[in-house]
């Protein structure tokens, strides 16, 4: 996740779905779950960046 966050900060865009799922240790979600899982993780990632990076003068 650290690499994904660094890339997000550098590029200014959230990671692609394939990048995100490749970093998961739990394996791949089913086809039906992919959209909701991706959206949930991206929301948590952007919330983290807003709170702990941008919120601290970053």
C-alpha atoms as a PDB file:
ATOM      1  CA  UNK A   1       0.000   0.000   0.000  1.00  0.00           C
ATOM      2  CA  UNK A   2       2.907   2.334   0.661  1.00  0.00           C
ATOM      3  CA  UNK A   3       3.944   2.131  -2.997  1.00  0.00           C
ATOM      4  CA  UNK A   4       0.365   2.753  -4.130  1.00  0.00           C
ATOM      5  CA  UNK A   5       0.076   5.806  -1.878  1.00  0.00           C
ATOM      6  CA  UNK A   6       3.402   7.169  -3.117  1.00  0.00           C
ATOM      7  CA  UNK A   7       2.336   6.677  -6.721  1.00  0.00           C
ATOM      8  CA  UNK A   8      -1.022   8.321  -5.974  1.00  0.00           C
ATOM      9  CA  UNK A   9       0.716  11.366  -4.503  1.00  0.00           C
ATOM     10  CA  UNK A  10       3.204  11.588  -7.376  1.00  0.00           C
ATOM     11  CA  UNK A  11       0.743  11.091 -10.238  1.00  0.00           C
ATOM     12  CA  UNK A  12      -2.244  12.791  -8.622  1.00  0.00           C
ATOM     13  CA  UNK A  13      -4.601   9.967  -9.567  1.00  0.00           C
ATOM     14  CA  UNK A  14      -5.812   6.900  -7.706  1.00  0.00           C
ATOM     15  CA  UNK A  15      -4.282   3.553  -8.667  1.00  0.00           C
ATOM     16  CA  UNK A  16      -5.867   1.552 -11.436  1.00  0.00           C
ATOM     17  CA  UNK A  17      -8.045  -1.381 -10.475  1.00  0.00           C
ATOM     18  CA  UNK A  18      -5.429  -3.893 -11.674  1.00  0.00           C
ATOM     19  CA  UNK A  19      -2.661  -2.187  -9.655  1.00  0.00           C
ATOM     20  CA  UNK A  20      -4.778  -2.213  -6.546  1.00  0.00           C
ATOM     21  CA  UNK A  21      -5.805  -5.850  -6.797  1.00  0.00           C
ATOM     22  CA  UNK A  22      -2.227  -6.927  -7.584  1.00  0.00           C
ATOM     23  CA  UNK A  23      -1.157  -5.442  -4.237  1.00  0.00           C
ATOM     24  CA  UNK A  24      -3.793  -7.327  -2.234  1.00  0.00           C
ATOM     25  CA  UNK A  25      -2.572 -10.222  -0.144  1.00  0.00           C
ATOM     26  CA  UNK A  26      -6.012 -11.803   0.158  1.00  0.00           C
ATOM     27  CA  UNK A  27      -6.322 -12.675  -3.519  1.00  0.00           C
ATOM     28  CA  UNK A  28      -8.696 -11.475  -6.147  1.00  0.00           C
ATOM     29  CA  UNK A  29     -12.349 -10.647  -5.492  1.00  0.00           C
ATOM     30  CA  UNK A  30     -14.983 -12.270  -7.651  1.00  0.00           C
ATOM     31  CA  UNK A  31     -16.118 -10.503 -10.802  1.00  0.00           C
ATOM     32  CA  UNK A  32     -19.313  -9.418  -9.051  1.00  0.00           C
ATOM     33  CA  UNK A  33     -17.373  -7.935  -6.105  1.00  0.00           C
ATOM     34  CA  UNK A  34     -14.638  -6.126  -8.049  1.00  0.00           C
ATOM     35  CA  UNK A  35     -16.379  -2.763  -8.481  1.00  0.00           C
ATOM     36  CA  UNK A  36     -17.547  -2.408  -4.879  1.00  0.00           C
ATOM     37  CA  UNK A  37     -14.253  -3.672  -3.433  1.00  0.00           C
ATOM     38  CA  UNK A  38     -12.273  -1.276  -5.633  1.00  0.00           C
ATOM     39  CA  UNK A  39     -14.481   1.691  -4.751  1.00  0.00           C
ATOM     40  CA  UNK A  40     -14.275   0.908  -1.022  1.00  0.00           C
ATOM     41  CA  UNK A  41     -10.475   0.595  -1.042  1.00  0.00           C
ATOM     42  CA  UNK A  42     -10.006   3.726  -3.165  1.00  0.00           C
ATOM     43  CA  UNK A  43     -12.229   5.688  -0.781  1.00  0.00           C
ATOM     44  CA  UNK A  44     -10.186   4.514   2.203  1.00  0.00           C
ATOM     45  CA  UNK A  45      -6.944   5.347   0.396  1.00  0.00           C
ATOM     46  CA  UNK A  46      -8.076   8.864  -0.512  1.00  0.00           C
ATOM     47  CA  UNK A  47      -9.417   9.432   3.024  1.00  0.00           C
ATOM     48  CA  UNK A  48      -6.024   8.362   4.404  1.00  0.00           C
ATOM     49  CA  UNK A  49      -4.162  10.737   2.094  1.00  0.00           C
ATOM     50  CA  UNK A  50      -6.505  13.626   2.899  1.00  0.00           C
ATOM     51  CA  UNK A  51      -6.229  13.058   6.658  1.00  0.00           C
ATOM     52  CA  UNK A  52      -2.606  12.086   7.194  1.00  0.00           C
ATOM     53  CA  UNK A  53      -0.769  13.620   4.238  1.00  0.00           C
ATOM     54  CA  UNK A  54      -2.691  16.693   3.082  1.00  0.00           C
ATOM     55  CA  UNK A  55      -4.043  17.404   6.558  1.00  0.00           C
ATOM     56  CA  UNK A  56      -0.517  17.715   7.931  1.00  0.00           C
ATOM     57  CA  UNK A  57       0.616  20.383   5.509  1.00  0.00           C
ATOM     58  CA  UNK A  58       1.618  17.951   2.710  1.00  0.00           C
END
